[in-house]
PDB file of all heavy atoms in Angstrom:
ATOM      1  N   LEU A   1      17.622  39.972  -8.572  1.00  0.00           N
ATOM      2  CA  LEU A   1      17.444  39.270  -7.299  1.00  0.00           C
ATOM      3  C   LEU A   1      16.091  38.573  -7.250  1.00  0.00           C
ATOM      4  O   LEU A   1      15.978  37.470  -6.722  1.00  0.00           O
ATOM      5  CB  LEU A   1      17.583  40.247  -6.130  1.00  0.00           C
ATOM      6  CG  LEU A   1      19.000  40.734  -5.837  1.00  0.00           C
ATOM      7  CD1 LEU A   1      18.975  41.782  -4.737  1.00  0.00           C
ATOM      8  CD2 LEU A   1      19.895  39.580  -5.435  1.00  0.00           C
ATOM      9  N   GLY A   2      15.075  39.232  -7.803  1.00  0.00           N
ATOM     10  CA  GLY A   2      13.753  38.607  -7.847  1.00  0.00           C
ATOM     11  C   GLY A   2      13.781  37.317  -8.633  1.00  0.00           C
ATOM     12  O   GLY A   2      13.179  36.311  -8.235  1.00  0.00           O
ATOM     13  N   GLU A   3      14.493  37.328  -9.755  1.00  0.00           N
ATOM     14  CA  GLU A   3      14.623  36.111 -10.559  1.00  0.00           C
ATOM     15  C   GLU A   3      15.381  35.034  -9.795  1.00  0.00           C
ATOM     16  O   GLU A   3      15.008  33.858  -9.835  1.00  0.00           O
ATOM     17  CB  GLU A   3      15.337  36.424 -11.870  1.00  0.00           C
ATOM     18  CG  GLU A   3      14.516  37.264 -12.828  1.00  0.00           C
ATOM     19  CD  GLU A   3      15.297  37.710 -14.050  1.00  0.00           C
ATOM     20  OE1 GLU A   3      16.440  37.237 -14.234  1.00  0.00           O
ATOM     21  OE2 GLU A   3      14.762  38.528 -14.806  1.00  0.00           O
ATOM     22  N   GLU A   4      16.446  35.429  -9.086  1.00  0.00           N
ATOM     23  CA  GLU A   4      17.217  34.458  -8.303  1.00  0.00           C
ATOM     24  C   GLU A   4      16.356  33.847  -7.205  1.00  0.00           C
ATOM     25  O   GLU A   4      16.386  32.630  -6.984  1.00  0.00           O
ATOM     26  CB  GLU A   4      18.442  35.125  -7.692  1.00  0.00           C
ATOM     27  CG  GLU A   4      19.525  35.472  -8.687  1.00  0.00           C
ATOM     28  CD  GLU A   4      20.690  36.209  -8.050  1.00  0.00           C
ATOM     29  OE1 GLU A   4      20.860  36.123  -6.816  1.00  0.00           O
ATOM     30  OE2 GLU A   4      21.435  36.887  -8.782  1.00  0.00           O
ATOM     31  N   VAL A   5      15.589  34.678  -6.518  1.00  0.00           N
ATOM     32  CA  VAL A   5      14.715  34.183  -5.446  1.00  0.00           C
ATOM     33  C   VAL A   5      13.665  33.247  -6.033  1.00  0.00           C
ATOM     34  O   VAL A   5      13.367  32.187  -5.464  1.00  0.00           O
ATOM     35  CB  VAL A   5      14.052  35.358  -4.694  1.00  0.00           C
ATOM     36  CG1 VAL A   5      12.929  34.881  -3.799  1.00  0.00           C
ATOM     37  CG2 VAL A   5      15.097  36.114  -3.878  1.00  0.00           C
ATOM     38  N   ASN A   6      13.125  33.620  -7.186  1.00  0.00           N
ATOM     39  CA  ASN A   6      12.124  32.786  -7.841  1.00  0.00           C
ATOM     40  C   ASN A   6      12.721  31.435  -8.225  1.00  0.00           C
ATOM     41  O   ASN A   6      12.102  30.386  -8.012  1.00  0.00           O
ATOM     42  CB  ASN A   6      11.584  33.510  -9.073  1.00  0.00           C
ATOM     43  CG  ASN A   6      10.305  32.914  -9.590  1.00  0.00           C
ATOM     44  OD1 ASN A   6       9.632  32.165  -8.903  1.00  0.00           O
ATOM     45  ND2 ASN A   6       9.961  33.245 -10.806  1.00  0.00           N
ATOM     46  N   GLU A   7      13.934  31.439  -8.764  1.00  0.00           N
ATOM     47  CA  GLU A   7      14.600  30.190  -9.121  1.00  0.00           C
ATOM     48  C   GLU A   7      14.864  29.335  -7.885  1.00  0.00           C
ATOM     49  O   GLU A   7      14.658  28.116  -7.909  1.00  0.00           O
ATOM     50  CB  GLU A   7      15.908  30.481  -9.847  1.00  0.00           C
ATOM     51  CG  GLU A   7      15.730  31.054 -11.240  1.00  0.00           C
ATOM     52  CD  GLU A   7      17.039  31.539 -11.848  1.00  0.00           C
ATOM     53  OE1 GLU A   7      18.100  31.359 -11.216  1.00  0.00           O
ATOM     54  OE2 GLU A   7      16.992  32.099 -12.957  1.00  0.00           O
ATOM     55  N   ASP A   8      15.315  29.987  -6.799  1.00  0.00           N
ATOM     56  CA  ASP A   8      15.562  29.248  -5.557  1.00  0.00           C
ATOM     57  C   ASP A   8      14.267  28.645  -5.020  1.00  0.00           C
ATOM     58  O   ASP A   8      14.260  27.503  -4.547  1.00  0.00           O
ATOM     59  CB  ASP A   8      16.197  30.159  -4.501  1.00  0.00           C
ATOM     60  CG  ASP A   8      17.638  30.514  -4.820  1.00  0.00           C
ATOM     61  OD1 ASP A   8      18.229  29.855  -5.696  1.00  0.00           O
ATOM     62  OD2 ASP A   8      18.170  31.452  -4.192  1.00  0.00           O
ATOM     63  N   ALA A   9      13.178  29.399  -5.091  1.00  0.00           N
ATOM     64  CA  ALA A   9      11.897  28.896  -4.600  1.00  0.00           C
ATOM     65  C   ALA A   9      11.446  27.684  -5.412  1.00  0.00           C
ATOM     66  O   ALA A   9      10.965  26.690  -4.847  1.00  0.00           O
ATOM     67  CB  ALA A   9      10.844  29.999  -4.659  1.00  0.00           C
ATOM     68  N   HIS A  10      11.615  27.757  -6.726  1.00  0.00           N
ATOM     69  CA  HIS A  10      11.251  26.610  -7.569  1.00  0.00           C
ATOM     70  C   HIS A  10      12.128  25.401  -7.256  1.00  0.00           C
ATOM     71  O   HIS A  10      11.634  24.273  -7.199  1.00  0.00           O
ATOM     72  CB  HIS A  10      11.362  26.967  -9.050  1.00  0.00           C
ATOM     73  CG  HIS A  10      10.240  27.815  -9.551  1.00  0.00           C
ATOM     74  ND1 HIS A  10       8.945  27.377  -9.610  1.00  0.00           N
ATOM     75  CD2 HIS A  10      10.220  29.096 -10.002  1.00  0.00           C
ATOM     76  CE1 HIS A  10       8.167  28.322 -10.082  1.00  0.00           C
ATOM     77  NE2 HIS A  10       8.926  29.396 -10.322  1.00  0.00           N
ATOM     78  N   ARG A  11      13.417  25.642  -7.043  1.00  0.00           N
ATOM     79  CA  ARG A  11      14.324  24.536  -6.731  1.00  0.00           C
ATOM     80  C   ARG A  11      13.940  23.877  -5.414  1.00  0.00           C
ATOM     81  O   ARG A  11      13.877  22.650  -5.314  1.00  0.00           O
ATOM     82  CB  ARG A  11      15.776  25.030  -6.683  1.00  0.00           C
ATOM     83  CG  ARG A  11      16.780  23.890  -6.605  1.00  0.00           C
ATOM     84  CD  ARG A  11      18.216  24.366  -6.522  1.00  0.00           C
ATOM     85  NE  ARG A  11      18.492  24.866  -5.195  1.00  0.00           N
ATOM     86  CZ  ARG A  11      18.717  26.142  -4.869  1.00  0.00           C
ATOM     87  NH1 ARG A  11      18.727  27.064  -5.788  1.00  0.00           N
ATOM     88  NH2 ARG A  11      18.950  26.512  -3.633  1.00  0.00           N
ATOM     89  N   VAL A  12      13.634  24.700  -4.395  1.00  0.00           N
ATOM     90  CA  VAL A  12      13.249  24.151  -3.088  1.00  0.00           C
ATOM     91  C   VAL A  12      11.931  23.384  -3.208  1.00  0.00           C
ATOM     92  O   VAL A  12      11.764  22.315  -2.616  1.00  0.00           O
ATOM     93  CB  VAL A  12      13.151  25.287  -2.046  1.00  0.00           C
ATOM     94  CG1 VAL A  12      12.474  24.813  -0.780  1.00  0.00           C
ATOM     95  CG2 VAL A  12      14.539  25.827  -1.724  1.00  0.00           C
ATOM     96  N   ALA A  13      10.987  23.932  -3.977  1.00  0.00           N
ATOM     97  CA  ALA A  13       9.707  23.243  -4.171  1.00  0.00           C
ATOM     98  C   ALA A  13       9.919  21.902  -4.868  1.00  0.00           C
ATOM     99  O   ALA A  13       9.298  20.891  -4.487  1.00  0.00           O
ATOM    100  CB  ALA A  13       8.759  24.126  -4.976  1.00  0.00           C
ATOM    101  N   ASP A  14      10.789  21.880  -5.861  1.00  0.00           N
ATOM    102  CA  ASP A  14      11.077  20.619  -6.555  1.00  0.00           C
ATOM    103  C   ASP A  14      11.719  19.607  -5.613  1.00  0.00           C
ATOM    104  O   ASP A  14      11.364  18.424  -5.625  1.00  0.00           O
ATOM    105  CB  ASP A  14      11.990  20.859  -7.759  1.00  0.00           C
ATOM    106  CG  ASP A  14      11.282  21.586  -8.892  1.00  0.00           C
ATOM    107  OD1 ASP A  14      10.035  21.596  -8.903  1.00  0.00           O
ATOM    108  OD2 ASP A  14      11.991  22.145  -9.760  1.00  0.00           O
ATOM    109  N   GLU A  15      12.656  20.065  -4.794  1.00  0.00           N
ATOM    110  CA  GLU A  15      13.296  19.160  -3.827  1.00  0.00           C
ATOM    111  C   GLU A  15      12.273  18.638  -2.821  1.00  0.00           C
ATOM    112  O   GLU A  15      12.290  17.461  -2.467  1.00  0.00           O
ATOM    113  CB  GLU A  15      14.424  19.887  -3.097  1.00  0.00           C
ATOM    114  CG  GLU A  15      15.636  20.144  -3.961  1.00  0.00           C
ATOM    115  CD  GLU A  15      16.698  20.973  -3.243  1.00  0.00           C
ATOM    116  OE1 GLU A  15      16.563  21.216  -2.028  1.00  0.00           O
ATOM    117  OE2 GLU A  15      17.658  21.396  -3.917  1.00  0.00           O
ATOM    118  N   GLY A  16      11.384  19.497  -2.376  1.00  0.00           N
ATOM    119  CA  GLY A  16      10.331  19.073  -1.450  1.00  0.00           C
ATOM    120  C   GLY A  16       9.396  18.053  -2.085  1.00  0.00           C
ATOM    121  O   GLY A  16       8.997  17.070  -1.450  1.00  0.00           O
ATOM    122  N   ARG A  17       9.058  18.300  -3.346  1.00  0.00           N
ATOM    123  CA  ARG A  17       8.194  17.369  -4.073  1.00  0.00           C
ATOM    124  C   ARG A  17       8.861  16.012  -4.215  1.00  0.00           C
ATOM    125  O   ARG A  17       8.232  14.969  -3.995  1.00  0.00           O
ATOM    126  CB  ARG A  17       7.882  17.967  -5.453  1.00  0.00           C
ATOM    127  CG  ARG A  17       6.684  17.373  -6.125  1.00  0.00           C
ATOM    128  CD  ARG A  17       6.284  18.100  -7.412  1.00  0.00           C
ATOM    129  NE  ARG A  17       5.928  19.493  -7.151  1.00  0.00           N
ATOM    130  CZ  ARG A  17       6.621  20.552  -7.602  1.00  0.00           C
ATOM    131  NH1 ARG A  17       7.692  20.373  -8.349  1.00  0.00           N
ATOM    132  NH2 ARG A  17       6.239  21.773  -7.327  1.00  0.00           N
ATOM    133  N   ARG A  18      10.165  16.023  -4.534  1.00  0.00           N
ATOM    134  CA  ARG A  18      10.891  14.752  -4.653  1.00  0.00           C
ATOM    135  C   ARG A  18      10.968  14.032  -3.301  1.00  0.00           C
ATOM    136  O   ARG A  18      10.812  12.815  -3.241  1.00  0.00           O
ATOM    137  CB  ARG A  18      12.293  14.994  -5.203  1.00  0.00           C
ATOM    138  CG  ARG A  18      12.333  15.169  -6.700  1.00  0.00           C
ATOM    139  CD  ARG A  18      13.760  15.105  -7.226  1.00  0.00           C
ATOM    140  NE  ARG A  18      14.573  16.233  -6.760  1.00  0.00           N
ATOM    141  CZ  ARG A  18      14.673  17.395  -7.393  1.00  0.00           C
ATOM    142  NH1 ARG A  18      14.016  17.583  -8.509  1.00  0.00           N
ATOM    143  NH2 ARG A  18      15.435  18.365  -6.914  1.00  0.00           N
ATOM    144  N   ALA A  19      11.202  14.786  -2.236  1.00  0.00           N
ATOM    145  CA  ALA A  19      11.273  14.175  -0.902  1.00  0.00           C
ATOM    146  C   ALA A  19       9.925  13.570  -0.520  1.00  0.00           C
ATOM    147  O   ALA A  19       9.869  12.484   0.068  1.00  0.00           O
ATOM    148  CB  ALA A  19      11.705  15.220   0.130  1.00  0.00           C
ATOM    149  N   MET A  20       8.829  14.281  -0.860  1.00  0.00           N
ATOM    150  CA  MET A  20       7.497  13.768  -0.547  1.00  0.00           C
ATOM    151  C   MET A  20       7.206  12.492  -1.342  1.00  0.00           C
ATOM    152  O   MET A  20       6.658  11.527  -0.798  1.00  0.00           O
ATOM    153  CB  MET A  20       6.453  14.838  -0.869  1.00  0.00           C
ATOM    154  CG  MET A  20       5.081  14.441  -0.445  1.00  0.00           C
ATOM    155  SD  MET A  20       5.036  14.210   1.322  1.00  0.00           S
ATOM    156  CE  MET A  20       3.811  15.366   1.731  1.00  0.00           C
ATOM    157  N   GLN A  21       7.579  12.474  -2.604  1.00  0.00           N
ATOM    158  CA  GLN A  21       7.382  11.275  -3.414  1.00  0.00           C
ATOM    159  C   GLN A  21       8.214  10.113  -2.880  1.00  0.00           C
ATOM    160  O   GLN A  21       7.739   8.972  -2.833  1.00  0.00           O
ATOM    161  CB  GLN A  21       7.738  11.557  -4.878  1.00  0.00           C
ATOM    162  CG  GLN A  21       6.756  12.466  -5.563  1.00  0.00           C
ATOM    163  CD  GLN A  21       7.242  12.926  -6.929  1.00  0.00           C
ATOM    164  OE1 GLN A  21       8.412  12.762  -7.276  1.00  0.00           O
ATOM    165  NE2 GLN A  21       6.344  13.515  -7.707  1.00  0.00           N
ATOM    166  N   ASP A  22       9.425  10.397  -2.434  1.00  0.00           N
ATOM    167  CA  ASP A  22      10.276   9.355  -1.858  1.00  0.00           C
ATOM    168  C   ASP A  22       9.661   8.812  -0.573  1.00  0.00           C
ATOM    169  O   ASP A  22       9.641   7.606  -0.348  1.00  0.00           O
ATOM    170  CB  ASP A  22      11.677   9.917  -1.587  1.00  0.00           C
ATOM    171  CG  ASP A  22      12.637   8.857  -1.103  1.00  0.00           C
ATOM    172  OD1 ASP A  22      12.676   7.772  -1.710  1.00  0.00           O
ATOM    173  OD2 ASP A  22      13.343   9.112  -0.099  1.00  0.00           O
ATOM    174  N   ALA A  23       9.131   9.716   0.268  1.00  0.00           N
ATOM    175  CA  ALA A  23       8.496   9.278   1.515  1.00  0.00           C
ATOM    176  C   ALA A  23       7.258   8.433   1.215  1.00  0.00           C
ATOM    177  O   ALA A  23       7.025   7.405   1.864  1.00  0.00           O
ATOM    178  CB  ALA A  23       8.117  10.494   2.362  1.00  0.00           C
ATOM    179  N   GLU A  24       6.464   8.860   0.238  1.00  0.00           N
ATOM    180  CA  GLU A  24       5.280   8.073  -0.134  1.00  0.00           C
ATOM    181  C   GLU A  24       5.672   6.683  -0.628  1.00  0.00           C
ATOM    182  O   GLU A  24       5.030   5.684  -0.290  1.00  0.00           O
ATOM    183  CB  GLU A  24       4.485   8.802  -1.224  1.00  0.00           C
ATOM    184  CG  GLU A  24       3.758  10.028  -0.737  1.00  0.00           C
ATOM    185  CD  GLU A  24       3.110  10.816  -1.859  1.00  0.00           C
ATOM    186  OE1 GLU A  24       3.362  10.484  -3.053  1.00  0.00           O
ATOM    187  OE2 GLU A  24       2.364  11.754  -1.553  1.00  0.00           O
ATOM    188  N   ARG A  25       6.737   6.624  -1.420  1.00  0.00           N
ATOM    189  CA  ARG A  25       7.210   5.335  -1.936  1.00  0.00           C
ATOM    190  C   ARG A  25       7.677   4.436  -0.791  1.00  0.00           C
ATOM    191  O   ARG A  25       7.354   3.244  -0.749  1.00  0.00           O
ATOM    192  CB  ARG A  25       8.344   5.573  -2.934  1.00  0.00           C
ATOM    193  CG  ARG A  25       8.823   4.340  -3.647  1.00  0.00           C
ATOM    194  CD  ARG A  25       9.939   4.640  -4.636  1.00  0.00           C
ATOM    195  NE  ARG A  25      11.024   5.442  -4.082  1.00  0.00           N
ATOM    196  CZ  ARG A  25      12.001   4.985  -3.300  1.00  0.00           C
ATOM    197  NH1 ARG A  25      12.015   3.716  -2.965  1.00  0.00           N
ATOM    198  NH2 ARG A  25      12.950   5.779  -2.855  1.00  0.00           N
ATOM    199  N   ARG A  26       8.399   5.023   0.151  1.00  0.00           N
ATOM    200  CA  ARG A  26       8.885   4.227   1.294  1.00  0.00           C
ATOM    201  C   ARG A  26       7.735   3.736   2.163  1.00  0.00           C
ATOM    202  O   ARG A  26       7.749   2.606   2.647  1.00  0.00           O
ATOM    203  CB  ARG A  26       9.852   5.059   2.137  1.00  0.00           C
ATOM    204  CG  ARG A  26      11.181   5.264   1.483  1.00  0.00           C
ATOM    205  CD  ARG A  26      12.096   6.070   2.349  1.00  0.00           C
ATOM    206  NE  ARG A  26      13.372   6.304   1.708  1.00  0.00           N
ATOM    207  CZ  ARG A  26      14.432   6.760   2.327  1.00  0.00           C
ATOM    208  NH1 ARG A  26      14.376   7.050   3.610  1.00  0.00           N
ATOM    209  NH2 ARG A  26      15.553   6.940   1.674  1.00  0.00           N
ATOM    210  N   ILE A  27       6.743   4.595   2.380  1.00  0.00           N
ATOM    211  CA  ILE A  27       5.586   4.198   3.201  1.00  0.00           C
ATOM    212  C   ILE A  27       4.829   3.062   2.515  1.00  0.00           C
ATOM    213  O   ILE A  27       4.404   2.098   3.160  1.00  0.00           O
ATOM    214  CB  ILE A  27       4.676   5.412   3.470  1.00  0.00           C
ATOM    215  CG1 ILE A  27       5.367   6.351   4.454  1.00  0.00           C
ATOM    216  CG2 ILE A  27       3.326   4.974   4.010  1.00  0.00           C
ATOM    217  CD1 ILE A  27       4.664   7.674   4.648  1.00  0.00           C
ATOM    218  N   ALA A  28       4.649   3.178   1.201  1.00  0.00           N
ATOM    219  CA  ALA A  28       3.967   2.111   0.463  1.00  0.00           C
ATOM    220  C   ALA A  28       4.744   0.801   0.582  1.00  0.00           C
ATOM    221  O   ALA A  28       4.146  -0.276   0.759  1.00  0.00           O
ATOM    222  CB  ALA A  28       3.801   2.506  -1.000  1.00  0.00           C
ATOM    223  N   LEU A  29       6.066   0.889   0.505  1.00  0.00           N
ATOM    224  CA  LEU A  29       6.897  -0.307   0.630  1.00  0.00           C
ATOM    225  C   LEU A  29       6.747  -0.919   2.036  1.00  0.00           C
ATOM    226  O   LEU A  29       6.611  -2.140   2.179  1.00  0.00           O
ATOM    227  CB  LEU A  29       8.365   0.036   0.361  1.00  0.00           C
ATOM    228  CG  LEU A  29       9.368  -1.106   0.413  1.00  0.00           C
ATOM    229  CD1 LEU A  29       9.053  -2.143  -0.655  1.00  0.00           C
ATOM    230  CD2 LEU A  29      10.776  -0.581   0.244  1.00  0.00           C
ATOM    231  N   LEU A  30       6.749  -0.077   3.064  1.00  0.00           N
ATOM    232  CA  LEU A  30       6.566  -0.580   4.436  1.00  0.00           C
ATOM    233  C   LEU A  30       5.202  -1.223   4.618  1.00  0.00           C
ATOM    234  O   LEU A  30       5.063  -2.245   5.295  1.00  0.00           O
ATOM    235  CB  LEU A  30       6.757   0.554   5.444  1.00  0.00           C
ATOM    236  CG  LEU A  30       8.190   1.034   5.656  1.00  0.00           C
ATOM    237  CD1 LEU A  30       8.213   2.272   6.548  1.00  0.00           C
ATOM    238  CD2 LEU A  30       9.026  -0.077   6.277  1.00  0.00           C
ATOM    239  N   GLU A  31       4.165  -0.616   4.032  1.00  0.00           N
ATOM    240  CA  GLU A  31       2.825  -1.202   4.117  1.00  0.00           C
ATOM    241  C   GLU A  31       2.797  -2.592   3.485  1.00  0.00           C
ATOM    242  O   GLU A  31       2.223  -3.533   4.043  1.00  0.00           O
ATOM    243  CB  GLU A  31       1.804  -0.301   3.417  1.00  0.00           C
ATOM    244  CG  GLU A  31       1.456   0.949   4.174  1.00  0.00           C
ATOM    245  CD  GLU A  31       0.509   1.844   3.393  1.00  0.00           C
ATOM    246  OE1 GLU A  31       0.208   1.562   2.207  1.00  0.00           O
ATOM    247  OE2 GLU A  31       0.081   2.859   3.972  1.00  0.00           O
ATOM    248  N   LYS A  32       3.419  -2.722   2.312  1.00  0.00           N
ATOM    249  CA  LYS A  32       3.455  -4.015   1.629  1.00  0.00           C
ATOM    250  C   LYS A  32       4.221  -5.042   2.457  1.00  0.00           C
ATOM    251  O   LYS A  32       3.813  -6.206   2.559  1.00  0.00           O
ATOM    252  CB  LYS A  32       4.095  -3.870   0.252  1.00  0.00           C
ATOM    253  CG  LYS A  32       3.212  -3.174  -0.740  1.00  0.00           C
ATOM    254  CD  LYS A  32       3.899  -3.026  -2.082  1.00  0.00           C
ATOM    255  CE  LYS A  32       3.036  -2.231  -3.049  1.00  0.00           C
ATOM    256  NZ  LYS A  32       3.712  -2.026  -4.343  1.00  0.00           N
ATOM    257  N   GLN A  33       5.342  -4.604   3.064  1.00  0.00           N
ATOM    258  CA  GLN A  33       6.122  -5.534   3.891  1.00  0.00           C
ATOM    259  C   GLN A  33       5.329  -5.972   5.115  1.00  0.00           C
ATOM    260  O   GLN A  33       5.352  -7.151   5.484  1.00  0.00           O
ATOM    261  CB  GLN A  33       7.429  -4.869   4.325  1.00  0.00           C
ATOM    262  CG  GLN A  33       8.436  -4.726   3.210  1.00  0.00           C
ATOM    263  CD  GLN A  33       9.673  -3.966   3.658  1.00  0.00           C
ATOM    264  OE1 GLN A  33       9.694  -3.324   4.696  1.00  0.00           O
ATOM    265  NE2 GLN A  33      10.722  -4.023   2.835  1.00  0.00           N
ATOM    266  N   ALA A  34       4.623  -5.048   5.748  1.00  0.00           N
ATOM    267  CA  ALA A  34       3.822  -5.396   6.926  1.00  0.00           C
ATOM    268  C   ALA A  34       2.686  -6.341   6.535  1.00  0.00           C
ATOM    269  O   ALA A  34       2.411  -7.325   7.232  1.00  0.00           O
ATOM    270  CB  ALA A  34       3.257  -4.141   7.572  1.00  0.00           C
ATOM    271  N   GLU A  35       2.045  -6.049   5.412  1.00  0.00           N
ATOM    272  CA  GLU A  35       0.956  -6.908   4.936  1.00  0.00           C
ATOM    273  C   GLU A  35       1.469  -8.308   4.628  1.00  0.00           C
ATOM    274  O   GLU A  35       0.840  -9.319   4.995  1.00  0.00           O
ATOM    275  CB  GLU A  35       0.357  -6.269   3.675  1.00  0.00           C
ATOM    276  CG  GLU A  35      -0.983  -6.812   3.279  1.00  0.00           C
ATOM    277  CD  GLU A  35      -1.560  -6.023   2.129  1.00  0.00           C
ATOM    278  OE1 GLU A  35      -1.667  -4.783   2.251  1.00  0.00           O
ATOM    279  OE2 GLU A  35      -1.889  -6.661   1.102  1.00  0.00           O
TER     280      GLU A  35
END
């Protein structure tokens, strides 16, 4: 169970990291469009 929880935590962290990178990319795109 500890291994499963650890794997789930890594998966959630990876998904969060991808979502943050996507948000940063979108914000940069909006900044360029506004400029």
